[in-house]
């Protein structure tokens, strides 16, 4: 004679990063076929959608493990709709019952009701930044102008991690650069102007507006990916990008949009690149001092495909190590 089935307990996990009601088909099947559906959180975002779908949910405190095991005995099924943190009290109590060896335990199944899409943790980042902006005294007072120096510092630290080939540092520094984006977007959401003029700045905007603007730009500047244009080589892609960008900005000079506040060697290389791309043959300035000579070196390096800023930084790094060696380090 076959022993009675001990039943089945389904722990249904959901994600706050996925819109409520967007559950997998196995999850809906388990919910509709269960003898009982339990949820310990009366504010669980899935509850209205489960009820709308005709699923009767018992909302109460965490069920007693022994009572639940007794109910499942005989082949019944229960689904426990869990919060994001799960229910450690129930699972710990079930573990103790199983360890006693005196109880026929039900089959335990962990069923993901929804899967996070790539980029889902960015939602968490936005929520964390929102709370920090509201509750941290230092963060609540920050402005675009006050944070500007940190954006530059983080960019240089990212470059250093790339040049040193440090993958762990690269991951961390990318996060620090991303923090600058999210932080500035959160400040902008409060309506803080970037230049001190609300009308010129167009009012508040959010990180979603930042992302939407970037998406629109990427789609426009990749017509060979999202449209009918043809660009089969990196050179053709670059030329197309510059052409579309020029049409967007309605620029009258190839130097428009080149930030003069960037490091001098990078500035020189960028200007040389713009002039060469436009097939402009402009004589380099002459005069006393090292400036013209440095400019000529930067222009020649750019023509050869070398980043003069990175090249000088690498030489400076070797010079630093030589100094340390001379000091006995």
C-alpha atoms as a PDB file:
ATOM      1  CA  UNK A   1       0.000   0.000   0.000  1.00  0.00           C
ATOM      2  CA  UNK A   2       1.398   3.363  -1.027  1.00  0.00           C
ATOM      3  CA  UNK A   3       2.096   5.890   1.725  1.00  0.00           C
ATOM      4  CA  UNK A   4       0.010   9.083   1.519  1.00  0.00           C
ATOM      5  CA  UNK A   5       1.700  11.964  -0.255  1.00  0.00           C
ATOM      6  CA  UNK A   6       3.160  14.549   2.118  1.00  0.00           C
ATOM      7  CA  UNK A   7       1.991  17.324  -0.210  1.00  0.00           C
ATOM      8  CA  UNK A   8       3.786  20.185  -1.859  1.00  0.00           C
ATOM      9  CA  UNK A   9       4.773  23.660  -0.662  1.00  0.00           C
ATOM     10  CA  UNK A  10       5.644  26.204  -3.334  1.00  0.00           C
ATOM     11  CA  UNK A  11       7.647  29.272  -2.310  1.00  0.00           C
ATOM     12  CA  UNK A  12       6.768  31.817  -4.999  1.00  0.00           C
ATOM     13  CA  UNK A  13       9.338  34.587  -5.327  1.00  0.00           C
ATOM     14  CA  UNK A  14       8.586  37.874  -7.038  1.00  0.00           C
ATOM     15  CA  UNK A  15      10.683  40.896  -7.917  1.00  0.00           C
ATOM     16  CA  UNK A  16       9.907  44.524  -7.105  1.00  0.00           C
ATOM     17  CA  UNK A  17      11.824  45.395 -10.274  1.00  0.00           C
ATOM     18  CA  UNK A  18       9.134  43.795 -12.455  1.00  0.00           C
ATOM     19  CA  UNK A  19       5.685  45.348 -12.779  1.00  0.00           C
ATOM     20  CA  UNK A  20       3.138  43.623 -10.469  1.00  0.00           C
ATOM     21  CA  UNK A  21       0.996  41.081 -12.277  1.00  0.00           C
ATOM     22  CA  UNK A  22       3.738  40.199 -14.742  1.00  0.00           C
ATOM     23  CA  UNK A  23       4.220  36.620 -13.553  1.00  0.00           C
ATOM     24  CA  UNK A  24       5.494  33.580 -15.416  1.00  0.00           C
ATOM     25  CA  UNK A  25       3.038  30.996 -16.741  1.00  0.00           C
ATOM     26  CA  UNK A  26       4.264  28.294 -14.279  1.00  0.00           C
ATOM     27  CA  UNK A  27       3.602  30.772 -11.470  1.00  0.00           C
ATOM     28  CA  UNK A  28       0.012  31.395 -12.622  1.00  0.00           C
ATOM     29  CA  UNK A  29      -0.550  27.658 -12.983  1.00  0.00           C
ATOM     30  CA  UNK A  30       0.680  26.989  -9.458  1.00  0.00           C
ATOM     31  CA  UNK A  31      -1.487  29.777  -8.044  1.00  0.00           C
ATOM     32  CA  UNK A  32      -4.670  28.571  -9.744  1.00  0.00           C
ATOM     33  CA  UNK A  33      -4.101  24.900  -8.916  1.00  0.00           C
ATOM     34  CA  UNK A  34      -3.117  25.337  -5.255  1.00  0.00           C
ATOM     35  CA  UNK A  35      -5.404  24.308  -2.408  1.00  0.00           C
ATOM     36  CA  UNK A  36      -4.247  27.350  -0.442  1.00  0.00           C
ATOM     37  CA  UNK A  37      -2.418  30.551  -1.365  1.00  0.00           C
ATOM     38  CA  UNK A  38      -0.814  32.357   1.551  1.00  0.00           C
ATOM     39  CA  UNK A  39       0.856  35.755   1.900  1.00  0.00           C
ATOM     40  CA  UNK A  40       2.170  37.301   5.114  1.00  0.00           C
ATOM     41  CA  UNK A  41       2.459  40.829   3.697  1.00  0.00           C
ATOM     42  CA  UNK A  42      -0.880  42.692   3.433  1.00  0.00           C
ATOM     43  CA  UNK A  43       0.830  45.376   1.332  1.00  0.00           C
ATOM     44  CA  UNK A  44       2.377  42.955  -1.165  1.00  0.00           C
ATOM     45  CA  UNK A  45       2.104  44.618  -4.620  1.00  0.00           C
ATOM     46  CA  UNK A  46       0.973  41.365  -6.267  1.00  0.00           C
ATOM     47  CA  UNK A  47      -2.176  40.972  -4.150  1.00  0.00           C
ATOM     48  CA  UNK A  48      -4.561  43.191  -6.190  1.00  0.00           C
ATOM     49  CA  UNK A  49      -3.553  41.424  -9.405  1.00  0.00           C
ATOM     50  CA  UNK A  50      -3.918  37.959  -7.906  1.00  0.00           C
ATOM     51  CA  UNK A  51      -7.415  38.769  -6.672  1.00  0.00           C
ATOM     52  CA  UNK A  52      -8.324  40.269 -10.040  1.00  0.00           C
ATOM     53  CA  UNK A  53      -7.241  36.979 -11.628  1.00  0.00           C
ATOM     54  CA  UNK A  54      -9.546  35.039  -9.303  1.00  0.00           C
ATOM     55  CA  UNK A  55      -6.872  33.730  -6.924  1.00  0.00           C
ATOM     56  CA  UNK A  56      -8.063  33.593  -3.303  1.00  0.00           C
ATOM     57  CA  UNK A  57      -5.193  34.703  -1.073  1.00  0.00           C
ATOM     58  CA  UNK A  58      -5.096  34.258   2.675  1.00  0.00           C
ATOM     59  CA  UNK A  59      -3.350  37.307   4.084  1.00  0.00           C
ATOM     60  CA  UNK A  60      -2.159  36.601   7.605  1.00  0.00           C
ATOM     61  CA  UNK A  61       0.950  36.342   9.716  1.00  0.00           C
ATOM     62  CA  UNK A  62       3.540  33.714   8.859  1.00  0.00           C
ATOM     63  CA  UNK A  63       1.762  30.322   9.193  1.00  0.00           C
ATOM     64  CA  UNK A  64       2.857  27.862  11.828  1.00  0.00           C
ATOM     65  CA  UNK A  65       5.184  25.355  10.174  1.00  0.00           C
ATOM     66  CA  UNK A  66       3.669  22.299  11.900  1.00  0.00           C
ATOM     67  CA  UNK A  67       0.095  23.340  11.052  1.00  0.00           C
ATOM     68  CA  UNK A  68       1.091  23.903   7.439  1.00  0.00           C
ATOM     69  CA  UNK A  69       2.753  20.477   7.196  1.00  0.00           C
ATOM     70  CA  UNK A  70      -0.395  18.873   8.674  1.00  0.00           C
ATOM     71  CA  UNK A  71      -2.568  20.633   6.106  1.00  0.00           C
ATOM     72  CA  UNK A  72      -0.407  19.493   3.187  1.00  0.00           C
ATOM     73  CA  UNK A  73      -0.422  15.870   4.316  1.00  0.00           C
ATOM     74  CA  UNK A  74      -2.461  13.755   1.935  1.00  0.00           C
ATOM     75  CA  UNK A  75      -1.306  15.429  -1.255  1.00  0.00           C
ATOM     76  CA  UNK A  76      -2.467  19.039  -0.928  1.00  0.00           C
ATOM     77  CA  UNK A  77      -0.554  21.978  -2.379  1.00  0.00           C
ATOM     78  CA  UNK A  78       0.025  25.419  -0.866  1.00  0.00           C
ATOM     79  CA  UNK A  79       1.687  28.431  -2.459  1.00  0.00           C
ATOM     80  CA  UNK A  80       3.397  30.996  -0.262  1.00  0.00           C
ATOM     81  CA  UNK A  81       3.724  34.361  -2.034  1.00  0.00           C
ATOM     82  CA  UNK A  82       6.941  35.750  -0.606  1.00  0.00           C
ATOM     83  CA  UNK A  83       8.264  39.257  -0.261  1.00  0.00           C
ATOM     84  CA  UNK A  84      11.629  40.207  -1.711  1.00  0.00           C
ATOM     85  CA  UNK A  85      13.395  39.233   1.531  1.00  0.00           C
ATOM     86  CA  UNK A  86      11.625  35.865   1.781  1.00  0.00           C
ATOM     87  CA  UNK A  87      10.272  34.424   5.041  1.00  0.00           C
ATOM     88  CA  UNK A  88      13.160  33.130   7.127  1.00  0.00           C
ATOM     89  CA  UNK A  89      10.973  32.277  10.114  1.00  0.00           C
ATOM     90  CA  UNK A  90       8.915  29.768   8.143  1.00  0.00           C
ATOM     91  CA  UNK A  91      11.831  28.222   6.261  1.00  0.00           C
ATOM     92  CA  UNK A  92      13.870  27.922   9.477  1.00  0.00           C
ATOM     93  CA  UNK A  93      10.930  26.262  11.250  1.00  0.00           C
ATOM     94  CA  UNK A  94      10.478  23.843   8.341  1.00  0.00           C
ATOM     95  CA  UNK A  95      14.190  23.010   8.497  1.00  0.00           C
ATOM     96  CA  UNK A  96      13.911  22.186  12.182  1.00  0.00           C
ATOM     97  CA  UNK A  97      10.927  19.922  11.540  1.00  0.00           C
ATOM     98  CA  UNK A  98      12.788  18.131   8.770  1.00  0.00           C
ATOM     99  CA  UNK A  99      15.818  17.718  11.009  1.00  0.00           C
ATOM    100  CA  UNK A 100      13.772  16.074  13.737  1.00  0.00           C
ATOM    101  CA  UNK A 101      13.092  13.065  11.515  1.00  0.00           C
ATOM    102  CA  UNK A 102       9.656  12.620  13.076  1.00  0.00           C
ATOM    103  CA  UNK A 103       7.588  14.339  10.396  1.00  0.00           C
ATOM    104  CA  UNK A 104       6.935  13.429   6.778  1.00  0.00           C
ATOM    105  CA  UNK A 105       7.920  16.686   5.097  1.00  0.00           C
ATOM    106  CA  UNK A 106       6.175  18.039   2.005  1.00  0.00           C
ATOM    107  CA  UNK A 107       8.019  18.531  -1.251  1.00  0.00           C
ATOM    108  CA  UNK A 108       9.483  22.032  -1.183  1.00  0.00           C
ATOM    109  CA  UNK A 109       9.737  23.951  -4.445  1.00  0.00           C
ATOM    110  CA  UNK A 110      11.212  27.381  -5.075  1.00  0.00           C
ATOM    111  CA  UNK A 111       9.363  28.925  -8.016  1.00  0.00           C
ATOM    112  CA  UNK A 112      10.545  32.255  -9.476  1.00  0.00           C
ATOM    113  CA  UNK A 113       7.436  34.156 -10.457  1.00  0.00           C
ATOM    114  CA  UNK A 114       9.343  36.784 -12.426  1.00  0.00           C
ATOM    115  CA  UNK A 115      12.866  37.258 -13.702  1.00  0.00           C
ATOM    116  CA  UNK A 116      14.766  40.528 -13.661  1.00  0.00           C
ATOM    117  CA  UNK A 117      15.672  41.959 -17.044  1.00  0.00           C
ATOM    118  CA  UNK A 118      19.208  43.216 -17.729  1.00  0.00           C
ATOM    119  CA  UNK A 119      19.626  46.583 -16.064  1.00  0.00           C
ATOM    120  CA  UNK A 120      17.042  45.842 -13.373  1.00  0.00           C
ATOM    121  CA  UNK A 121      19.447  46.751 -10.562  1.00  0.00           C
ATOM    122  CA  UNK A 122      19.494  50.301 -11.930  1.00  0.00           C
ATOM    123  CA  UNK A 123      15.980  50.601 -10.495  1.00  0.00           C
ATOM    124  CA  UNK A 124      17.403  49.803  -7.070  1.00  0.00           C
ATOM    125  CA  UNK A 125      20.114  52.405  -7.610  1.00  0.00           C
ATOM    126  CA  UNK A 126      17.540  55.093  -8.372  1.00  0.00           C
ATOM    127  CA  UNK A 127      15.582  54.174  -5.234  1.00  0.00           C
ATOM    128  CA  UNK A 128      18.716  54.223  -3.063  1.00  0.00           C
ATOM    129  CA  UNK A 129      19.752  57.601  -4.468  1.00  0.00           C
ATOM    130  CA  UNK A 130      16.271  58.977  -3.861  1.00  0.00           C
ATOM    131  CA  UNK A 131      16.409  57.970  -0.198  1.00  0.00           C
ATOM    132  CA  UNK A 132      19.921  59.350   0.258  1.00  0.00           C
ATOM    133  CA  UNK A 133      18.885  62.669  -1.279  1.00  0.00           C
ATOM    134  CA  UNK A 134      15.946  62.922   1.122  1.00  0.00           C
ATOM    135  CA  UNK A 135      17.548  61.629   4.340  1.00  0.00           C
ATOM    136  CA  UNK A 136      21.275  62.460   4.176  1.00  0.00           C
ATOM    137  CA  UNK A 137      22.020  66.035   5.373  1.00  0.00           C
ATOM    138  CA  UNK A 138      25.092  66.363   3.140  1.00  0.00           C
ATOM    139  CA  UNK A 139      23.483  64.952  -0.006  1.00  0.00           C
ATOM    140  CA  UNK A 140      20.323  67.020   0.465  1.00  0.00           C
ATOM    141  CA  UNK A 141      22.326  70.250   0.132  1.00  0.00           C
ATOM    142  CA  UNK A 142      24.378  69.340  -2.937  1.00  0.00           C
ATOM    143  CA  UNK A 143      24.069  71.225  -6.229  1.00  0.00           C
ATOM    144  CA  UNK A 144      25.251  70.608  -9.782  1.00  0.00           C
ATOM    145  CA  UNK A 145      28.003  73.172  -9.311  1.00  0.00           C
ATOM    146  CA  UNK A 146      29.162  71.682  -6.017  1.00  0.00           C
ATOM    147  CA  UNK A 147      29.410  68.170  -7.469  1.00  0.00           C
ATOM    148  CA  UNK A 148      31.124  69.166 -10.731  1.00  0.00           C
ATOM    149  CA  UNK A 149      34.658  68.543  -9.414  1.00  0.00           C
ATOM    150  CA  UNK A 150      33.752  64.995  -8.368  1.00  0.00           C
ATOM    151  CA  UNK A 151      32.633  64.119 -11.876  1.00  0.00           C
ATOM    152  CA  UNK A 152      36.064  65.100 -13.180  1.00  0.00           C
ATOM    153  CA  UNK A 153      37.866  63.191 -10.419  1.00  0.00           C
ATOM    154  CA  UNK A 154      35.840  60.028 -10.989  1.00  0.00           C
ATOM    155  CA  UNK A 155      36.448  60.204 -14.747  1.00  0.00           C
ATOM    156  CA  UNK A 156      40.213  60.344 -14.186  1.00  0.00           C
ATOM    157  CA  UNK A 157      40.055  57.461 -11.699  1.00  0.00           C
ATOM    158  CA  UNK A 158      38.167  55.427 -14.280  1.00  0.00           C
ATOM    159  CA  UNK A 159      40.848  56.163 -16.885  1.00  0.00           C
ATOM    160  CA  UNK A 160      43.531  55.061 -14.427  1.00  0.00           C
ATOM    161  CA  UNK A 161      41.735  51.770 -13.758  1.00  0.00           C
ATOM    162  CA  UNK A 162      41.486  51.127 -17.501  1.00  0.00           C
ATOM    163  CA  UNK A 163      45.144  51.915 -18.150  1.00  0.00           C
ATOM    164  CA  UNK A 164      46.297  49.727 -15.258  1.00  0.00           C
ATOM    165  CA  UNK A 165      44.120  46.828 -16.403  1.00  0.00           C
ATOM    166  CA  UNK A 166      42.583  46.429 -12.930  1.00  0.00           C
ATOM    167  CA  UNK A 167      39.200  44.755 -13.482  1.00  0.00           C
ATOM    168  CA  UNK A 168      38.032  45.132  -9.882  1.00  0.00           C
ATOM    169  CA  UNK A 169      38.930  48.804  -9.869  1.00  0.00           C
ATOM    170  CA  UNK A 170      37.280  49.230 -13.270  1.00  0.00           C
ATOM    171  CA  UNK A 171      34.008  47.847 -11.931  1.00  0.00           C
ATOM    172  CA  UNK A 172      34.133  50.133  -8.908  1.00  0.00           C
ATOM    173  CA  UNK A 173      35.075  53.245 -10.864  1.00  0.00           C
ATOM    174  CA  UNK A 174      32.336  52.661 -13.421  1.00  0.00           C
ATOM    175  CA  UNK A 175      29.948  52.618 -10.478  1.00  0.00           C
ATOM    176  CA  UNK A 176      31.360  55.903  -9.197  1.00  0.00           C
ATOM    177  CA  UNK A 177      30.879  57.523 -12.609  1.00  0.00           C
ATOM    178  CA  UNK A 178      27.334  56.143 -12.719  1.00  0.00           C
ATOM    179  CA  UNK A 179      26.731  57.643  -9.282  1.00  0.00           C
ATOM    180  CA  UNK A 180      27.516  61.076 -10.686  1.00  0.00           C
ATOM    181  CA  UNK A 181      24.872  60.616 -13.390  1.00  0.00           C
ATOM    182  CA  UNK A 182      22.199  59.421 -10.959  1.00  0.00           C
ATOM    183  CA  UNK A 183      23.076  62.079  -8.368  1.00  0.00           C
ATOM    184  CA  UNK A 184      22.890  64.960 -10.843  1.00  0.00           C
ATOM    185  CA  UNK A 185      19.635  63.599 -12.269  1.00  0.00           C
ATOM    186  CA  UNK A 186      18.155  63.420  -8.755  1.00  0.00           C
ATOM    187  CA  UNK A 187      19.168  67.032  -8.094  1.00  0.00           C
ATOM    188  CA  UNK A 188      17.579  68.050 -11.389  1.00  0.00           C
ATOM    189  CA  UNK A 189      14.380  66.269 -10.368  1.00  0.00           C
ATOM    190  CA  UNK A 190      14.101  68.671  -7.438  1.00  0.00           C
ATOM    191  CA  UNK A 191      14.054  71.517  -9.927  1.00  0.00           C
ATOM    192  CA  UNK A 192      17.550  72.771  -9.177  1.00  0.00           C
ATOM    193  CA  UNK A 193      18.731  74.621 -12.306  1.00  0.00           C
ATOM    194  CA  UNK A 194      22.074  73.808 -13.841  1.00  0.00           C
ATOM    195  CA  UNK A 195      22.911  77.455 -14.625  1.00  0.00           C
ATOM    196  CA  UNK A 196      20.746  79.389 -12.197  1.00  0.00           C
ATOM    197  CA  UNK A 197      18.032  80.227 -14.742  1.00  0.00           C
ATOM    198  CA  UNK A 198      14.896  78.050 -14.552  1.00  0.00           C
ATOM    199  CA  UNK A 199      13.554  79.216 -17.889  1.00  0.00           C
ATOM    200  CA  UNK A 200      16.778  78.508 -19.765  1.00  0.00           C
ATOM    201  CA  UNK A 201      17.156  75.099 -18.122  1.00  0.00           C
ATOM    202  CA  UNK A 202      13.631  73.994 -18.992  1.00  0.00           C
ATOM    203  CA  UNK A 203      12.630  73.016 -15.470  1.00  0.00           C
ATOM    204  CA  UNK A 204      13.043  69.748 -13.569  1.00  0.00           C
ATOM    205  CA  UNK A 205      13.905  66.438 -15.212  1.00  0.00           C
ATOM    206  CA  UNK A 206      14.484  62.900 -13.954  1.00  0.00           C
ATOM    207  CA  UNK A 207      16.917  60.084 -14.626  1.00  0.00           C
ATOM    208  CA  UNK A 208      14.290  58.619 -16.970  1.00  0.00           C
ATOM    209  CA  UNK A 209      14.402  61.832 -19.007  1.00  0.00           C
ATOM    210  CA  UNK A 210      18.194  61.526 -19.126  1.00  0.00           C
ATOM    211  CA  UNK A 211      17.916  57.939 -20.376  1.00  0.00           C
ATOM    212  CA  UNK A 212      15.222  58.851 -22.912  1.00  0.00           C
ATOM    213  CA  UNK A 213      17.370  61.659 -24.325  1.00  0.00           C
ATOM    214  CA  UNK A 214      20.344  59.310 -24.626  1.00  0.00           C
ATOM    215  CA  UNK A 215      18.260  56.601 -26.316  1.00  0.00           C
ATOM    216  CA  UNK A 216      16.919  59.071 -28.868  1.00  0.00           C
ATOM    217  CA  UNK A 217      20.438  60.284 -29.587  1.00  0.00           C
ATOM    218  CA  UNK A 218      21.848  56.762 -30.011  1.00  0.00           C
ATOM    219  CA  UNK A 219      19.064  55.758 -32.379  1.00  0.00           C
ATOM    220  CA  UNK A 220      19.472  58.922 -34.476  1.00  0.00           C
ATOM    221  CA  UNK A 221      23.229  58.525 -34.718  1.00  0.00           C
ATOM    222  CA  UNK A 222      23.098  54.830 -35.643  1.00  0.00           C
ATOM    223  CA  UNK A 223      20.901  54.856 -38.752  1.00  0.00           C
ATOM    224  CA  UNK A 224      22.907  51.871 -40.022  1.00  0.00           C
ATOM    225  CA  UNK A 225      21.588  49.908 -37.025  1.00  0.00           C
ATOM    226  CA  UNK A 226      18.079  51.328 -36.577  1.00  0.00           C
ATOM    227  CA  UNK A 227      17.413  52.552 -40.114  1.00  0.00           C
ATOM    228  CA  UNK A 228      18.261  51.958 -43.760  1.00  0.00           C
ATOM    229  CA  UNK A 229      21.656  53.649 -43.875  1.00  0.00           C
ATOM    230  CA  UNK A 230      24.760  51.644 -44.736  1.00  0.00           C
ATOM    231  CA  UNK A 231      28.055  51.910 -42.836  1.00  0.00           C
ATOM    232  CA  UNK A 232      30.293  48.872 -43.122  1.00  0.00           C
ATOM    233  CA  UNK A 233      33.567  50.132 -41.663  1.00  0.00           C
ATOM    234  CA  UNK A 234      34.460  51.960 -38.444  1.00  0.00           C
ATOM    235  CA  UNK A 235      35.537  54.938 -40.554  1.00  0.00           C
ATOM    236  CA  UNK A 236      32.149  55.101 -42.263  1.00  0.00           C
ATOM    237  CA  UNK A 237      30.385  54.854 -38.912  1.00  0.00           C
ATOM    238  CA  UNK A 238      32.474  57.703 -37.511  1.00  0.00           C
ATOM    239  CA  UNK A 239      31.859  59.922 -40.528  1.00  0.00           C
ATOM    240  CA  UNK A 240      28.135  59.229 -40.321  1.00  0.00           C
ATOM    241  CA  UNK A 241      28.097  59.968 -36.583  1.00  0.00           C
ATOM    242  CA  UNK A 242      29.830  63.315 -37.107  1.00  0.00           C
ATOM    243  CA  UNK A 243      27.512  64.226 -39.968  1.00  0.00           C
ATOM    244  CA  UNK A 244      24.350  63.472 -37.989  1.00  0.00           C
ATOM    245  CA  UNK A 245      25.772  65.239 -34.936  1.00  0.00           C
ATOM    246  CA  UNK A 246      26.559  68.329 -37.004  1.00  0.00           C
ATOM    247  CA  UNK A 247      23.011  68.407 -38.366  1.00  0.00           C
ATOM    248  CA  UNK A 248      21.583  68.112 -34.845  1.00  0.00           C
ATOM    249  CA  UNK A 249      23.699  70.877 -33.365  1.00  0.00           C
ATOM    250  CA  UNK A 250      23.507  73.204 -36.403  1.00  0.00           C
ATOM    251  CA  UNK A 251      27.158  74.033 -35.885  1.00  0.00           C
ATOM    252  CA  UNK A 252      28.928  76.616 -38.001  1.00  0.00           C
ATOM    253  CA  UNK A 253      32.480  75.571 -37.072  1.00  0.00           C
ATOM    254  CA  UNK A 254      34.202  72.230 -36.619  1.00  0.00           C
ATOM    255  CA  UNK A 255      35.466  73.576 -33.304  1.00  0.00           C
ATOM    256  CA  UNK A 256      31.956  74.004 -31.900  1.00  0.00           C
ATOM    257  CA  UNK A 257      31.305  71.627 -29.030  1.00  0.00           C
ATOM    258  CA  UNK A 258      34.990  71.043 -28.193  1.00  0.00           C
ATOM    259  CA  UNK A 259      35.330  71.781 -24.462  1.00  0.00           C
ATOM    260  CA  UNK A 260      38.351  74.038 -23.956  1.00  0.00           C
ATOM    261  CA  UNK A 261      38.478  73.129 -20.236  1.00  0.00           C
ATOM    262  CA  UNK A 262      39.758  69.611 -20.962  1.00  0.00           C
ATOM    263  CA  UNK A 263      43.484  68.779 -20.507  1.00  0.00           C
ATOM    264  CA  UNK A 264      45.624  70.696 -22.981  1.00  0.00           C
ATOM    265  CA  UNK A 265      47.037  67.712 -24.889  1.00  0.00           C
ATOM    266  CA  UNK A 266      43.561  66.208 -25.277  1.00  0.00           C
ATOM    267  CA  UNK A 267      42.251  69.590 -26.440  1.00  0.00           C
ATOM    268  CA  UNK A 268      45.008  69.893 -29.036  1.00  0.00           C
ATOM    269  CA  UNK A 269      44.373  66.367 -30.329  1.00  0.00           C
ATOM    270  CA  UNK A 270      40.610  66.972 -30.524  1.00  0.00           C
ATOM    271  CA  UNK A 271      41.047  70.178 -32.503  1.00  0.00           C
ATOM    272  CA  UNK A 272      43.491  68.436 -34.856  1.00  0.00           C
ATOM    273  CA  UNK A 273      41.030  65.583 -35.340  1.00  0.00           C
ATOM    274  CA  UNK A 274      38.213  67.981 -36.180  1.00  0.00           C
ATOM    275  CA  UNK A 275      40.356  69.917 -38.658  1.00  0.00           C
ATOM    276  CA  UNK A 276      41.649  66.745 -40.326  1.00  0.00           C
ATOM    277  CA  UNK A 277      38.151  65.300 -40.555  1.00  0.00           C
ATOM    278  CA  UNK A 278      36.960  68.456 -42.313  1.00  0.00           C
ATOM    279  CA  UNK A 279      40.030  68.357 -44.589  1.00  0.00           C
ATOM    280  CA  UNK A 280      41.147  71.765 -43.356  1.00  0.00           C
ATOM    281  CA  UNK A 281      44.870  72.421 -43.680  1.00  0.00           C
ATOM    282  CA  UNK A 282      45.591  75.045 -41.050  1.00  0.00           C
ATOM    283  CA  UNK A 283      49.195  76.070 -40.241  1.00  0.00           C
ATOM    284  CA  UNK A 284      50.184  75.558 -36.627  1.00  0.00           C
ATOM    285  CA  UNK A 285      50.904  78.732 -34.643  1.00  0.00           C
ATOM    286  CA  UNK A 286      54.514  79.647 -34.043  1.00  0.00           C
ATOM    287  CA  UNK A 287      56.149  81.586 -31.271  1.00  0.00           C
ATOM    288  CA  UNK A 288      58.492  81.438 -28.288  1.00  0.00           C
ATOM    289  CA  UNK A 289      58.183  78.966 -25.449  1.00  0.00           C
ATOM    290  CA  UNK A 290      57.268  75.275 -25.401  1.00  0.00           C
ATOM    291  CA  UNK A 291      53.587  75.776 -26.291  1.00  0.00           C
ATOM    292  CA  UNK A 292      53.873  75.627 -30.097  1.00  0.00           C
ATOM    293  CA  UNK A 293      56.268  72.672 -29.914  1.00  0.00           C
ATOM    294  CA  UNK A 294      53.934  70.763 -27.588  1.00  0.00           C
ATOM    295  CA  UNK A 295      51.003  71.558 -29.870  1.00  0.00           C
ATOM    296  CA  UNK A 296      52.922  70.257 -32.884  1.00  0.00           C
ATOM    297  CA  UNK A 297      53.751  67.020 -31.044  1.00  0.00           C
ATOM    298  CA  UNK A 298      50.106  66.552 -30.040  1.00  0.00           C
ATOM    299  CA  UNK A 299      48.876  67.151 -33.595  1.00  0.00           C
ATOM    300  CA  UNK A 300      51.416  64.712 -35.026  1.00  0.00           C
ATOM    301  CA  UNK A 301      50.509  62.069 -32.437  1.00  0.00           C
ATOM    302  CA  UNK A 302      46.816  62.412 -33.335  1.00  0.00           C
ATOM    303  CA  UNK A 303      47.647  62.100 -37.033  1.00  0.00           C
ATOM    304  CA  UNK A 304      49.451  58.820 -36.293  1.00  0.00           C
ATOM    305  CA  UNK A 305      46.494  57.506 -34.298  1.00  0.00           C
ATOM    306  CA  UNK A 306      48.076  57.965 -30.863  1.00  0.00           C
ATOM    307  CA  UNK A 307      46.307  59.618 -27.944  1.00  0.00           C
ATOM    308  CA  UNK A 308      48.904  62.178 -26.802  1.00  0.00           C
ATOM    309  CA  UNK A 309      47.254  62.536 -23.385  1.00  0.00           C
ATOM    310  CA  UNK A 310      47.479  58.786 -22.725  1.00  0.00           C
ATOM    311  CA  UNK A 311      51.011  58.619 -24.132  1.00  0.00           C
ATOM    312  CA  UNK A 312      52.275  61.391 -21.872  1.00  0.00           C
ATOM    313  CA  UNK A 313      50.477  59.888 -18.886  1.00  0.00           C
ATOM    314  CA  UNK A 314      52.180  56.536 -19.503  1.00  0.00           C
ATOM    315  CA  UNK A 315      55.584  58.212 -19.708  1.00  0.00           C
ATOM    316  CA  UNK A 316      54.804  60.176 -16.541  1.00  0.00           C
ATOM    317  CA  UNK A 317      53.854  56.931 -14.797  1.00  0.00           C
ATOM    318  CA  UNK A 318      57.222  55.401 -15.750  1.00  0.00           C
ATOM    319  CA  UNK A 319      58.948  58.568 -14.570  1.00  0.00           C
ATOM    320  CA  UNK A 320      57.141  58.283 -11.242  1.00  0.00           C
ATOM    321  CA  UNK A 321      58.356  54.712 -10.819  1.00  0.00           C
ATOM    322  CA  UNK A 322      61.906  55.810 -11.637  1.00  0.00           C
ATOM    323  CA  UNK A 323      61.700  58.503  -8.962  1.00  0.00           C
ATOM    324  CA  UNK A 324      60.456  55.945  -6.423  1.00  0.00           C
ATOM    325  CA  UNK A 325      63.279  53.600  -7.396  1.00  0.00           C
ATOM    326  CA  UNK A 326      65.806  56.394  -6.876  1.00  0.00           C
ATOM    327  CA  UNK A 327      64.297  56.947  -3.413  1.00  0.00           C
ATOM    328  CA  UNK A 328      64.859  53.284  -2.596  1.00  0.00           C
ATOM    329  CA  UNK A 329      61.253  52.121  -2.739  1.00  0.00           C
END
